[in-house]
Amino acid sequence: MTVNDISNRKTAIFSLKPVHEQMNVSDRYRALGNNTGNIVFDTALSELIDADRVYWDTPPDVLAQYDSFITTSYIWIRQNTPIPGILEPAGDRPLIPMSVGLQANDYDPGFQIHPEVVADLKKIEERCTIGCRGEYTAEILNRHGIRDLMVIGCPSVYAGIESGTPVRSLPSCKPQHAVSNFSTFWRKLKEHEARFLKYLAENRFSFIEQTAGELKEADWPGGTDSFRQVSRWLAGKKVFFTYSEWQEEIRKYDFSMGYRFHGNVMAVNNGIPALFFYADSRVRELCEFFRFPMIAAREFTDDRPVAYWYEKSDYSEFNRRLPEKKRIFEEFCRKNGLRRK
């Protein structure tokens, strides 16, 4: 492809629907795919790539004006589970997947991708290079015969890298204003998860929620007193449905930790150190790729001061590799004929 070809190429991003003040909370969550963390990578793509926003229900005659499309529909591939209807809107034009990732509890070498998903990804790679979240996903895709791919991590992180803001170094003291995040409340909590939430409440962390689930006493493995303590603390949670409001809030803190990848990325992109807790392959491989400080969620212990976790958030290696990561994303865009902003 020549430079002239790229300059004349029109690209569209299949994006989240806009959130309006007139919407109720349920509709806002639904517009953001039931997870506010989605606005982080959705916003990042628009900041990084010269492309228009379209939606899955955009009329075909409007989509017809574009030469290629970007999708994030493969960021959550479950074992032996189909993902229907992704190729149809693009027709025979390139559909470029960003951050393809497998959803597994650990690095399972026997992970089986549904045959329909394999077939779709093979069709996709005939027209573009596929962007993977991490090395584990790339290895499994290769075993399924999908070869034209690059490990690029998540575009949400490149928005911060593009700004040139390094994560600030740690002073040897306890953070003054710490913020936290956690997984979705949809099942009975494990013991280490309950300990983590109780620790956050006792140490007066702020809490930013990303989903609509509520903690129920039936799902709490501790006693009634600790459940009430955590419930009172969670009552002060904050939720943001726009990137700008979330960013304004996150800048008030000097440390973040928790299970949510994009919750912590919001901190990192604003120069604030974050400690990532991983409980599955998706978060783990992203952290390994970007060299984020991380621990396995089950390794958390509540007998350490906040300063201990703060000091584990060393970003010297992450900061050192910023130019390298930037080059990787630029090469991915070049291979796919995407214009950078």
C-alpha atoms as a PDB file:
ATOM      1  CA  MET A   1       0.000   0.000   0.000  1.00  0.00           C
ATOM      2  CA  THR A   2       1.381   3.428  -0.966  1.00  0.00           C
ATOM      3  CA  VAL A   3       1.310   6.560   1.179  1.00  0.00           C
ATOM      4  CA  ASN A   4      -1.274   8.021  -1.202  1.00  0.00           C
ATOM      5  CA  ASP A   5      -3.502   4.976  -0.701  1.00  0.00           C
ATOM      6  CA  ILE A   6      -3.426   5.486   3.082  1.00  0.00           C
ATOM      7  CA  SER A   7      -4.102   9.221   2.880  1.00  0.00           C
ATOM      8  CA  ASN A   8      -7.247   8.634   0.835  1.00  0.00           C
ATOM      9  CA  ARG A   9      -8.513   5.739   2.915  1.00  0.00           C
ATOM     10  CA  LYS A  10     -11.577   6.319   5.104  1.00  0.00           C
ATOM     11  CA  THR A  11     -11.741   4.313   8.313  1.00  0.00           C
ATOM     12  CA  ALA A  12     -14.536   3.958  10.866  1.00  0.00           C
ATOM     13  CA  ILE A  13     -14.492   2.679  14.436  1.00  0.00           C
ATOM     14  CA  PHE A  14     -17.417   0.613  15.678  1.00  0.00           C
ATOM     15  CA  SER A  15     -17.937   2.592  18.880  1.00  0.00           C
ATOM     16  CA  LEU A  16     -20.070   2.752  22.002  1.00  0.00           C
ATOM     17  CA  LYS A  17     -23.300   4.698  21.815  1.00  0.00           C
ATOM     18  CA  PRO A  18     -23.132   8.213  23.305  1.00  0.00           C
ATOM     19  CA  VAL A  19     -24.374   8.675  26.868  1.00  0.00           C
ATOM     20  CA  HIS A  20     -26.791  11.547  27.522  1.00  0.00           C
ATOM     21  CA  GLU A  21     -27.834  13.212  30.765  1.00  0.00           C
ATOM     22  CA  GLN A  22     -31.459  12.382  29.946  1.00  0.00           C
ATOM     23  CA  MET A  23     -30.717   8.649  30.192  1.00  0.00           C
ATOM     24  CA  ASN A  24     -31.421   6.802  33.426  1.00  0.00           C
ATOM     25  CA  VAL A  25     -28.574   4.874  35.067  1.00  0.00           C
ATOM     26  CA  SER A  26     -29.602   1.520  33.563  1.00  0.00           C
ATOM     27  CA  ASP A  27     -29.624   2.954  30.044  1.00  0.00           C
ATOM     28  CA  ARG A  28     -26.219   4.563  30.605  1.00  0.00           C
ATOM     29  CA  TYR A  29     -24.715   1.256  31.671  1.00  0.00           C
ATOM     30  CA  ARG A  30     -26.324  -0.476  28.702  1.00  0.00           C
ATOM     31  CA  ALA A  31     -24.934   2.113  26.256  1.00  0.00           C
ATOM     32  CA  LEU A  32     -21.436   1.423  27.624  1.00  0.00           C
ATOM     33  CA  GLY A  33     -21.704  -2.355  27.307  1.00  0.00           C
ATOM     34  CA  ASN A  34     -22.600  -2.695  31.018  1.00  0.00           C
ATOM     35  CA  ASN A  35     -19.074  -1.709  32.047  1.00  0.00           C
ATOM     36  CA  THR A  36     -17.921   1.907  32.254  1.00  0.00           C
ATOM     37  CA  GLY A  37     -14.349   0.728  31.715  1.00  0.00           C
ATOM     38  CA  ASN A  38     -15.246   0.381  28.036  1.00  0.00           C
ATOM     39  CA  ILE A  39     -15.214   4.155  27.641  1.00  0.00           C
ATOM     40  CA  VAL A  40     -11.471   4.149  28.374  1.00  0.00           C
ATOM     41  CA  PHE A  41     -10.434   2.179  25.281  1.00  0.00           C
ATOM     42  CA  ASP A  42     -13.281   3.606  23.201  1.00  0.00           C
ATOM     43  CA  THR A  43     -12.075   7.141  23.921  1.00  0.00           C
ATOM     44  CA  ALA A  44      -8.459   6.102  23.347  1.00  0.00           C
ATOM     45  CA  LEU A  45      -9.182   4.759  19.865  1.00  0.00           C
ATOM     46  CA  SER A  46     -10.746   8.056  18.817  1.00  0.00           C
ATOM     47  CA  GLU A  47      -7.756   9.955  20.197  1.00  0.00           C
ATOM     48  CA  LEU A  48      -5.198   7.715  18.495  1.00  0.00           C
ATOM     49  CA  ILE A  49      -6.699   6.931  15.073  1.00  0.00           C
ATOM     50  CA  ASP A  50      -7.954   9.320  12.406  1.00  0.00           C
ATOM     51  CA  ALA A  51     -11.351   7.674  11.932  1.00  0.00           C
ATOM     52  CA  ASP A  52     -15.067   8.345  12.241  1.00  0.00           C
ATOM     53  CA  ARG A  53     -17.337   6.775  14.831  1.00  0.00           C
ATOM     54  CA  VAL A  54     -20.064   4.408  13.652  1.00  0.00           C
ATOM     55  CA  TYR A  55     -22.307   1.931  15.447  1.00  0.00           C
ATOM     56  CA  TRP A  56     -23.505  -1.592  14.838  1.00  0.00           C
ATOM     57  CA  ASP A  57     -26.916  -0.236  13.807  1.00  0.00           C
ATOM     58  CA  THR A  58     -25.498   2.425  11.455  1.00  0.00           C
ATOM     59  CA  PRO A  59     -27.348   2.080   8.121  1.00  0.00           C
ATOM     60  CA  PRO A  60     -25.514   0.141   5.381  1.00  0.00           C
ATOM     61  CA  ASP A  61     -25.589   3.105   3.002  1.00  0.00           C
ATOM     62  CA  VAL A  62     -23.584   5.142   5.541  1.00  0.00           C
ATOM     63  CA  LEU A  63     -21.108   2.299   6.148  1.00  0.00           C
ATOM     64  CA  ALA A  64     -20.630   1.993   2.381  1.00  0.00           C
ATOM     65  CA  GLN A  65     -18.460   5.141   2.302  1.00  0.00           C
ATOM     66  CA  TYR A  66     -15.696   3.537   4.404  1.00  0.00           C
ATOM     67  CA  ASP A  67     -12.746   1.494   3.218  1.00  0.00           C
ATOM     68  CA  SER A  68     -11.966  -0.246   6.524  1.00  0.00           C
ATOM     69  CA  PHE A  69     -13.309  -0.643  10.054  1.00  0.00           C
ATOM     70  CA  ILE A  70     -11.918  -1.102  13.557  1.00  0.00           C
ATOM     71  CA  THR A  71     -13.620  -3.362  16.077  1.00  0.00           C
ATOM     72  CA  THR A  72     -13.051  -4.340  19.710  1.00  0.00           C
ATOM     73  CA  SER A  73     -15.604  -7.151  19.560  1.00  0.00           C
ATOM     74  CA  TYR A  74     -12.998  -9.860  20.139  1.00  0.00           C
ATOM     75  CA  ILE A  75     -11.532  -8.570  23.404  1.00  0.00           C
ATOM     76  CA  TRP A  76     -13.404 -11.235  25.374  1.00  0.00           C
ATOM     77  CA  ILE A  77     -13.307 -14.629  23.651  1.00  0.00           C
ATOM     78  CA  ARG A  78     -14.752 -17.322  25.880  1.00  0.00           C
ATOM     79  CA  GLN A  79     -13.894 -20.982  25.434  1.00  0.00           C
ATOM     80  CA  ASN A  80     -16.074 -22.731  22.815  1.00  0.00           C
ATOM     81  CA  THR A  81     -18.404 -19.717  22.603  1.00  0.00           C
ATOM     82  CA  PRO A  82     -19.432 -18.134  19.266  1.00  0.00           C
ATOM     83  CA  ILE A  83     -19.432 -14.363  18.639  1.00  0.00           C
ATOM     84  CA  PRO A  84     -22.036 -13.927  15.883  1.00  0.00           C
ATOM     85  CA  GLY A  85     -22.712 -11.044  13.521  1.00  0.00           C
ATOM     86  CA  ILE A  86     -19.346  -9.284  13.591  1.00  0.00           C
ATOM     87  CA  LEU A  87     -18.263  -9.638   9.945  1.00  0.00           C
ATOM     88  CA  GLU A  88     -21.530  -8.744   8.246  1.00  0.00           C
ATOM     89  CA  PRO A  89     -21.442  -4.903   8.501  1.00  0.00           C
ATOM     90  CA  ALA A  90     -17.928  -4.738   7.017  1.00  0.00           C
ATOM     91  CA  GLY A  91     -18.764  -6.895   4.000  1.00  0.00           C
ATOM     92  CA  ASP A  92     -15.608  -7.640   2.019  1.00  0.00           C
ATOM     93  CA  ARG A  93     -13.632  -4.720   3.501  1.00  0.00           C
ATOM     94  CA  PRO A  94     -10.939  -4.985   6.197  1.00  0.00           C
ATOM     95  CA  LEU A  95     -12.291  -5.320   9.733  1.00  0.00           C
ATOM     96  CA  ILE A  96      -9.337  -4.660  12.035  1.00  0.00           C
ATOM     97  CA  PRO A  97      -9.666  -6.240  15.501  1.00  0.00           C
ATOM     98  CA  MET A  98      -7.986  -4.400  18.359  1.00  0.00           C
ATOM     99  CA  SER A  99      -6.870  -6.263  21.474  1.00  0.00           C
ATOM    100  CA  VAL A 100      -8.158  -9.740  20.707  1.00  0.00           C
ATOM    101  CA  GLY A 101      -8.086 -11.577  24.032  1.00  0.00           C
ATOM    102  CA  LEU A 102      -9.044 -14.936  25.501  1.00  0.00           C
ATOM    103  CA  GLN A 103     -11.035 -15.173  28.726  1.00  0.00           C
ATOM    104  CA  ALA A 104      -9.447 -17.930  30.811  1.00  0.00           C
ATOM    105  CA  ASN A 105      -8.836 -18.368  34.520  1.00  0.00           C
ATOM    106  CA  ASP A 106      -5.161 -19.065  33.825  1.00  0.00           C
ATOM    107  CA  TYR A 107      -2.821 -19.755  30.914  1.00  0.00           C
ATOM    108  CA  ASP A 108      -4.599 -22.893  29.775  1.00  0.00           C
ATOM    109  CA  PRO A 109      -2.662 -24.369  26.814  1.00  0.00           C
ATOM    110  CA  GLY A 110      -5.719 -26.386  25.829  1.00  0.00           C
ATOM    111  CA  PHE A 111      -8.049 -23.403  25.401  1.00  0.00           C
ATOM    112  CA  GLN A 112     -10.494 -24.162  22.589  1.00  0.00           C
ATOM    113  CA  ILE A 113     -11.788 -21.319  20.438  1.00  0.00           C
ATOM    114  CA  HIS A 114     -15.208 -21.959  18.905  1.00  0.00           C
ATOM    115  CA  PRO A 115     -14.893 -23.090  15.250  1.00  0.00           C
ATOM    116  CA  GLU A 116     -17.076 -20.188  14.070  1.00  0.00           C
ATOM    117  CA  VAL A 117     -14.795 -17.663  15.775  1.00  0.00           C
ATOM    118  CA  VAL A 118     -11.731 -19.355  14.268  1.00  0.00           C
ATOM    119  CA  ALA A 119     -13.332 -19.219  10.805  1.00  0.00           C
ATOM    120  CA  ASP A 120     -14.191 -15.526  11.218  1.00  0.00           C
ATOM    121  CA  LEU A 121     -10.700 -14.603  12.418  1.00  0.00           C
ATOM    122  CA  LYS A 122      -9.168 -16.462   9.473  1.00  0.00           C
ATOM    123  CA  LYS A 123     -11.349 -14.430   7.107  1.00  0.00           C
ATOM    124  CA  ILE A 124     -10.319 -11.264   8.931  1.00  0.00           C
ATOM    125  CA  GLU A 125      -6.587 -11.990   8.655  1.00  0.00           C
ATOM    126  CA  GLU A 126      -6.898 -12.262   4.888  1.00  0.00           C
ATOM    127  CA  ARG A 127      -7.382  -8.460   4.834  1.00  0.00           C
ATOM    128  CA  CYS A 128      -5.488  -7.159   7.869  1.00  0.00           C
ATOM    129  CA  THR A 129      -3.099  -7.860  10.725  1.00  0.00           C
ATOM    130  CA  ILE A 130      -4.885  -8.844  13.939  1.00  0.00           C
ATOM    131  CA  GLY A 131      -3.950  -7.040  17.160  1.00  0.00           C
ATOM    132  CA  CYS A 132      -3.690  -9.311  20.235  1.00  0.00           C
ATOM    133  CA  ARG A 133      -3.724  -8.397  23.907  1.00  0.00           C
ATOM    134  CA  GLY A 134      -0.784 -10.561  24.916  1.00  0.00           C
ATOM    135  CA  GLU A 135       1.516 -13.465  24.206  1.00  0.00           C
ATOM    136  CA  TYR A 136      -0.862 -16.092  25.608  1.00  0.00           C
ATOM    137  CA  THR A 137      -3.647 -15.116  23.219  1.00  0.00           C
ATOM    138  CA  ALA A 138      -1.188 -14.990  20.303  1.00  0.00           C
ATOM    139  CA  GLU A 139       0.060 -18.499  21.114  1.00  0.00           C
ATOM    140  CA  ILE A 140      -3.448 -19.990  21.204  1.00  0.00           C
ATOM    141  CA  LEU A 141      -4.475 -18.192  17.992  1.00  0.00           C
ATOM    142  CA  ASN A 142      -1.378 -19.618  16.309  1.00  0.00           C
ATOM    143  CA  ARG A 143      -2.356 -23.121  17.425  1.00  0.00           C
ATOM    144  CA  HIS A 144      -5.717 -22.562  15.742  1.00  0.00           C
ATOM    145  CA  GLY A 145      -4.002 -21.604  12.481  1.00  0.00           C
ATOM    146  CA  ILE A 146      -4.289 -17.815  12.780  1.00  0.00           C
ATOM    147  CA  ARG A 147      -0.875 -16.365  11.888  1.00  0.00           C
ATOM    148  CA  ASP A 148      -1.044 -12.737  10.755  1.00  0.00           C
ATOM    149  CA  LEU A 149      -1.090 -11.020  14.127  1.00  0.00           C
ATOM    150  CA  MET A 150       0.818  -8.673  16.418  1.00  0.00           C
ATOM    151  CA  VAL A 151       0.838  -8.411  20.204  1.00  0.00           C
ATOM    152  CA  ILE A 152      -0.151  -4.796  20.927  1.00  0.00           C
ATOM    153  CA  GLY A 153      -1.819  -4.864  24.350  1.00  0.00           C
ATOM    154  CA  CYS A 154      -4.761  -2.458  24.734  1.00  0.00           C
ATOM    155  CA  PRO A 155      -5.206   0.914  22.965  1.00  0.00           C
ATOM    156  CA  SER A 156      -6.283   2.488  26.260  1.00  0.00           C
ATOM    157  CA  VAL A 157      -2.650   2.436  27.437  1.00  0.00           C
ATOM    158  CA  TYR A 158      -1.345   3.999  24.222  1.00  0.00           C
ATOM    159  CA  ALA A 159      -3.440   7.098  24.881  1.00  0.00           C
ATOM    160  CA  GLY A 160      -1.305   7.683  27.959  1.00  0.00           C
ATOM    161  CA  ILE A 161       1.910   6.739  26.165  1.00  0.00           C
ATOM    162  CA  GLU A 162       1.059   9.190  23.374  1.00  0.00           C
ATOM    163  CA  SER A 163       0.716  12.008  25.899  1.00  0.00           C
ATOM    164  CA  GLY A 164       4.297  11.339  27.019  1.00  0.00           C
ATOM    165  CA  THR A 165       3.308  11.348  30.691  1.00  0.00           C
ATOM    166  CA  PRO A 166       5.516   8.971  32.709  1.00  0.00           C
ATOM    167  CA  VAL A 167       4.161   7.479  35.928  1.00  0.00           C
ATOM    168  CA  ARG A 168       5.691   9.437  38.749  1.00  0.00           C
ATOM    169  CA  SER A 169       8.255   7.826  41.002  1.00  0.00           C
ATOM    170  CA  LEU A 170       7.285   6.756  44.480  1.00  0.00           C
ATOM    171  CA  PRO A 171       8.261   8.687  47.581  1.00  0.00           C
ATOM    172  CA  SER A 172       8.993   6.430  50.532  1.00  0.00           C
ATOM    173  CA  CYS A 173       5.798   7.188  52.391  1.00  0.00           C
ATOM    174  CA  LYS A 174       2.156   6.173  52.574  1.00  0.00           C
ATOM    175  CA  PRO A 175      -0.057   7.627  49.821  1.00  0.00           C
ATOM    176  CA  GLN A 176      -2.324  10.387  51.043  1.00  0.00           C
ATOM    177  CA  HIS A 177      -5.281   9.814  48.720  1.00  0.00           C
ATOM    178  CA  ALA A 178      -5.776   6.247  47.476  1.00  0.00           C
ATOM    179  CA  VAL A 179      -8.509   4.945  45.154  1.00  0.00           C
ATOM    180  CA  SER A 180      -9.591   1.365  44.480  1.00  0.00           C
ATOM    181  CA  ASN A 181     -11.691  -0.800  42.199  1.00  0.00           C
ATOM    182  CA  PHE A 182     -13.031  -4.348  42.193  1.00  0.00           C
ATOM    183  CA  SER A 183     -14.698  -6.986  40.049  1.00  0.00           C
ATOM    184  CA  THR A 184     -18.426  -7.264  39.356  1.00  0.00           C
ATOM    185  CA  PHE A 185     -20.705  -8.294  42.242  1.00  0.00           C
ATOM    186  CA  TRP A 186     -22.536 -11.205  40.644  1.00  0.00           C
ATOM    187  CA  ARG A 187     -21.593 -14.329  42.644  1.00  0.00           C
ATOM    188  CA  LYS A 188     -20.454 -15.495  46.082  1.00  0.00           C
ATOM    189  CA  LEU A 189     -17.151 -13.852  46.938  1.00  0.00           C
ATOM    190  CA  LYS A 190     -14.025 -15.830  47.644  1.00  0.00           C
ATOM    191  CA  GLU A 191     -12.329 -15.394  51.002  1.00  0.00           C
ATOM    192  CA  HIS A 192      -9.438 -13.354  49.613  1.00  0.00           C
ATOM    193  CA  GLU A 193     -11.868 -11.067  47.763  1.00  0.00           C
ATOM    194  CA  ALA A 194     -13.785 -10.350  50.963  1.00  0.00           C
ATOM    195  CA  ARG A 195     -10.521  -9.660  52.805  1.00  0.00           C
ATOM    196  CA  PHE A 196      -9.539  -7.218  50.087  1.00  0.00           C
ATOM    197  CA  LEU A 197     -12.810  -5.271  50.293  1.00  0.00           C
ATOM    198  CA  LYS A 198     -12.688  -5.174  54.085  1.00  0.00           C
ATOM    199  CA  TYR A 199      -9.095  -3.910  53.893  1.00  0.00           C
ATOM    200  CA  LEU A 200     -10.133  -1.125  51.520  1.00  0.00           C
ATOM    201  CA  ALA A 201     -12.959  -0.085  53.823  1.00  0.00           C
ATOM    202  CA  GLU A 202     -10.775  -0.119  56.930  1.00  0.00           C
ATOM    203  CA  ASN A 203      -8.070   1.938  55.227  1.00  0.00           C
ATOM    204  CA  ARG A 204     -10.556   4.444  53.814  1.00  0.00           C
ATOM    205  CA  PHE A 205      -9.803   3.997  50.143  1.00  0.00           C
ATOM    206  CA  SER A 206     -12.118   5.746  47.729  1.00  0.00           C
ATOM    207  CA  PHE A 207     -13.934   3.342  45.419  1.00  0.00           C
ATOM    208  CA  ILE A 208     -14.827   3.746  41.742  1.00  0.00           C
ATOM    209  CA  GLU A 209     -17.399   1.273  40.459  1.00  0.00           C
ATOM    210  CA  GLN A 210     -17.661   0.155  36.817  1.00  0.00           C
ATOM    211  CA  THR A 211     -20.730  -2.118  36.762  1.00  0.00           C
ATOM    212  CA  ALA A 212     -24.259  -2.124  38.144  1.00  0.00           C
ATOM    213  CA  GLY A 213     -23.953  -5.126  40.476  1.00  0.00           C
ATOM    214  CA  GLU A 214     -24.624  -4.747  44.205  1.00  0.00           C
ATOM    215  CA  LEU A 215     -22.976  -6.675  47.032  1.00  0.00           C
ATOM    216  CA  LYS A 216     -25.484  -9.017  48.726  1.00  0.00           C
ATOM    217  CA  GLU A 217     -25.135 -10.513  52.179  1.00  0.00           C
ATOM    218  CA  ALA A 218     -25.844 -13.982  50.780  1.00  0.00           C
ATOM    219  CA  ASP A 219     -22.669 -13.628  48.685  1.00  0.00           C
ATOM    220  CA  TRP A 220     -20.489 -12.440  51.584  1.00  0.00           C
ATOM    221  CA  PRO A 221     -18.269 -15.173  53.122  1.00  0.00           C
ATOM    222  CA  GLY A 222     -17.575 -13.204  56.314  1.00  0.00           C
ATOM    223  CA  GLY A 223     -19.814 -12.317  59.252  1.00  0.00           C
ATOM    224  CA  THR A 224     -22.687  -9.841  59.428  1.00  0.00           C
ATOM    225  CA  ASP A 225     -20.596  -7.113  61.074  1.00  0.00           C
ATOM    226  CA  SER A 226     -17.938  -7.110  58.348  1.00  0.00           C
ATOM    227  CA  PHE A 227     -20.633  -7.209  55.656  1.00  0.00           C
ATOM    228  CA  ARG A 228     -22.276  -4.118  57.131  1.00  0.00           C
ATOM    229  CA  GLN A 229     -18.944  -2.362  57.404  1.00  0.00           C
ATOM    230  CA  VAL A 230     -18.137  -3.002  53.734  1.00  0.00           C
ATOM    231  CA  SER A 231     -21.684  -2.155  52.623  1.00  0.00           C
ATOM    232  CA  ARG A 232     -21.524   1.219  54.373  1.00  0.00           C
ATOM    233  CA  TRP A 233     -18.200   1.893  52.685  1.00  0.00           C
ATOM    234  CA  LEU A 234     -19.529   0.875  49.256  1.00  0.00           C
ATOM    235  CA  ALA A 235     -22.418   3.289  49.679  1.00  0.00           C
ATOM    236  CA  GLY A 236     -19.888   6.053  49.027  1.00  0.00           C
ATOM    237  CA  LYS A 237     -18.798   4.609  45.672  1.00  0.00           C
ATOM    238  CA  LYS A 238     -18.438   6.780  42.594  1.00  0.00           C
ATOM    239  CA  VAL A 239     -19.432   5.914  39.021  1.00  0.00           C
ATOM    240  CA  PHE A 240     -18.541   7.875  35.891  1.00  0.00           C
ATOM    241  CA  PHE A 241     -20.226   7.604  32.511  1.00  0.00           C
ATOM    242  CA  THR A 242     -17.948  10.031  30.649  1.00  0.00           C
ATOM    243  CA  TYR A 243     -14.193   9.931  30.222  1.00  0.00           C
ATOM    244  CA  SER A 244     -13.700  13.587  31.169  1.00  0.00           C
ATOM    245  CA  GLU A 245     -15.523  13.292  34.503  1.00  0.00           C
ATOM    246  CA  TRP A 246     -13.620  10.111  35.392  1.00  0.00           C
ATOM    247  CA  GLN A 247     -10.320  11.727  34.484  1.00  0.00           C
ATOM    248  CA  GLU A 248     -11.090  14.792  36.591  1.00  0.00           C
ATOM    249  CA  GLU A 249     -11.762  12.531  39.589  1.00  0.00           C
ATOM    250  CA  ILE A 250      -8.772  10.219  39.177  1.00  0.00           C
ATOM    251  CA  ARG A 251      -6.367  13.161  39.232  1.00  0.00           C
ATOM    252  CA  LYS A 252      -7.262  13.746  42.879  1.00  0.00           C
ATOM    253  CA  TYR A 253      -5.432  10.559  43.951  1.00  0.00           C
ATOM    254  CA  ASP A 254      -1.822   9.477  44.305  1.00  0.00           C
ATOM    255  CA  PHE A 255      -2.309   5.684  44.229  1.00  0.00           C
ATOM    256  CA  SER A 256      -4.740   3.150  42.744  1.00  0.00           C
ATOM    257  CA  MET A 257      -5.103  -0.581  43.231  1.00  0.00           C
ATOM    258  CA  GLY A 258      -7.609  -3.253  42.401  1.00  0.00           C
ATOM    259  CA  TYR A 259      -8.951  -5.806  39.939  1.00  0.00           C
ATOM    260  CA  ARG A 260     -10.118  -3.495  37.145  1.00  0.00           C
ATOM    261  CA  PHE A 261      -7.660  -3.126  34.309  1.00  0.00           C
ATOM    262  CA  HIS A 262      -9.142   0.063  32.886  1.00  0.00           C
ATOM    263  CA  GLY A 263      -9.794   1.518  36.308  1.00  0.00           C
ATOM    264  CA  ASN A 264      -6.066   1.302  36.977  1.00  0.00           C
ATOM    265  CA  VAL A 265      -5.170   2.441  33.453  1.00  0.00           C
ATOM    266  CA  MET A 266      -7.069   5.668  34.103  1.00  0.00           C
ATOM    267  CA  ALA A 267      -4.631   6.295  36.957  1.00  0.00           C
ATOM    268  CA  VAL A 268      -1.546   5.288  34.959  1.00  0.00           C
ATOM    269  CA  ASN A 269      -2.504   7.492  32.005  1.00  0.00           C
ATOM    270  CA  ASN A 270      -2.561  10.429  34.391  1.00  0.00           C
ATOM    271  CA  GLY A 271       0.858   9.665  35.867  1.00  0.00           C
ATOM    272  CA  ILE A 272      -0.481   7.967  39.016  1.00  0.00           C
ATOM    273  CA  PRO A 273       1.031   4.620  40.116  1.00  0.00           C
ATOM    274  CA  ALA A 274      -1.357   1.661  40.235  1.00  0.00           C
ATOM    275  CA  LEU A 275      -1.045  -1.916  41.449  1.00  0.00           C
ATOM    276  CA  PHE A 276      -2.932  -4.358  39.217  1.00  0.00           C
ATOM    277  CA  PHE A 277      -4.549  -7.462  40.733  1.00  0.00           C
ATOM    278  CA  TYR A 278      -5.008 -10.256  38.199  1.00  0.00           C
ATOM    279  CA  ALA A 279      -7.484 -13.106  38.516  1.00  0.00           C
ATOM    280  CA  ASP A 280      -7.581 -14.214  34.872  1.00  0.00           C
ATOM    281  CA  SER A 281      -5.476 -14.461  31.741  1.00  0.00           C
ATOM    282  CA  ARG A 282      -6.762 -11.230  30.189  1.00  0.00           C
ATOM    283  CA  VAL A 283      -5.454  -8.884  32.865  1.00  0.00           C
ATOM    284  CA  ARG A 284      -2.302 -10.916  33.450  1.00  0.00           C
ATOM    285  CA  GLU A 285      -1.108 -10.908  29.835  1.00  0.00           C
ATOM    286  CA  LEU A 286      -1.812  -7.201  29.471  1.00  0.00           C
ATOM    287  CA  CYS A 287       0.186  -6.433  32.608  1.00  0.00           C
ATOM    288  CA  GLU A 288       3.056  -8.607  31.404  1.00  0.00           C
ATOM    289  CA  PHE A 289       3.114  -6.899  28.024  1.00  0.00           C
ATOM    290  CA  PHE A 290       3.152  -3.351  29.390  1.00  0.00           C
ATOM    291  CA  ARG A 291       5.274  -4.246  32.455  1.00  0.00           C
ATOM    292  CA  PHE A 292       2.647  -3.047  34.909  1.00  0.00           C
ATOM    293  CA  PRO A 293       3.249  -3.870  38.593  1.00  0.00           C
ATOM    294  CA  MET A 294       0.902  -6.752  39.415  1.00  0.00           C
ATOM    295  CA  ILE A 295       0.079  -9.475  41.913  1.00  0.00           C
ATOM    296  CA  ALA A 296      -2.205 -12.489  41.730  1.00  0.00           C
ATOM    297  CA  ALA A 297      -5.460 -11.557  43.478  1.00  0.00           C
ATOM    298  CA  ARG A 298      -5.302 -14.663  45.664  1.00  0.00           C
ATOM    299  CA  GLU A 299      -1.905 -13.522  47.017  1.00  0.00           C
ATOM    300  CA  PHE A 300      -3.371 -10.454  48.705  1.00  0.00           C
ATOM    301  CA  THR A 301      -2.983 -10.376  52.465  1.00  0.00           C
ATOM    302  CA  ASP A 302      -4.638  -7.914  54.813  1.00  0.00           C
ATOM    303  CA  ASP A 303      -1.834  -7.782  57.387  1.00  0.00           C
ATOM    304  CA  ARG A 304       0.278  -5.257  55.458  1.00  0.00           C
ATOM    305  CA  PRO A 305       0.085  -1.451  55.632  1.00  0.00           C
ATOM    306  CA  VAL A 306      -1.040   0.499  52.564  1.00  0.00           C
ATOM    307  CA  ALA A 307       2.557   1.687  52.126  1.00  0.00           C
ATOM    308  CA  TYR A 308       3.602  -1.923  51.427  1.00  0.00           C
ATOM    309  CA  TRP A 309       1.307  -2.178  48.377  1.00  0.00           C
ATOM    310  CA  TYR A 310       2.216   1.347  47.317  1.00  0.00           C
ATOM    311  CA  GLU A 311       5.911   0.458  47.269  1.00  0.00           C
ATOM    312  CA  LYS A 312       5.179  -2.548  45.046  1.00  0.00           C
ATOM    313  CA  SER A 313       4.002  -0.140  42.353  1.00  0.00           C
ATOM    314  CA  ASP A 314       7.368   0.494  40.749  1.00  0.00           C
ATOM    315  CA  TYR A 315       6.978   1.977  37.251  1.00  0.00           C
ATOM    316  CA  SER A 316      10.637   2.358  36.319  1.00  0.00           C
ATOM    317  CA  GLU A 317      10.476  -0.550  33.836  1.00  0.00           C
ATOM    318  CA  PHE A 318       7.171   0.660  32.372  1.00  0.00           C
ATOM    319  CA  ASN A 319       8.546   4.170  31.889  1.00  0.00           C
ATOM    320  CA  ARG A 320      11.753   2.835  30.335  1.00  0.00           C
ATOM    321  CA  ARG A 321       9.823   0.887  27.705  1.00  0.00           C
ATOM    322  CA  LEU A 322       7.474   3.698  26.618  1.00  0.00           C
ATOM    323  CA  PRO A 323       9.335   4.410  23.322  1.00  0.00           C
ATOM    324  CA  GLU A 324       9.400   0.687  22.476  1.00  0.00           C
ATOM    325  CA  LYS A 325       5.651   0.289  23.032  1.00  0.00           C
ATOM    326  CA  LYS A 326       4.912   3.388  21.010  1.00  0.00           C
ATOM    327  CA  ARG A 327       6.862   1.941  18.069  1.00  0.00           C
ATOM    328  CA  ILE A 328       4.905  -1.305  18.294  1.00  0.00           C
ATOM    329  CA  PHE A 329       1.566   0.468  18.004  1.00  0.00           C
ATOM    330  CA  GLU A 330       2.797   2.676  15.176  1.00  0.00           C
ATOM    331  CA  GLU A 331       3.946  -0.423  13.273  1.00  0.00           C
ATOM    332  CA  PHE A 332       0.555  -2.081  13.796  1.00  0.00           C
ATOM    333  CA  CYS A 333      -1.196   1.001  12.413  1.00  0.00           C
ATOM    334  CA  ARG A 334       1.174   1.140   9.450  1.00  0.00           C
ATOM    335  CA  LYS A 335       0.532  -2.523   8.594  1.00  0.00           C
ATOM    336  CA  ASN A 336      -3.213  -1.890   8.616  1.00  0.00           C
ATOM    337  CA  GLY A 337      -3.162   1.416   6.739  1.00  0.00           C
ATOM    338  CA  LEU A 338      -4.457   3.383   9.724  1.00  0.00           C
ATOM    339  CA  ARG A 339      -3.689   7.076   9.967  1.00  0.00           C
ATOM    340  CA  ARG A 340      -2.514   8.300  13.362  1.00  0.00           C
ATOM    341  CA  LYS A 341      -3.768  11.568  14.784  1.00  0.00           C
END
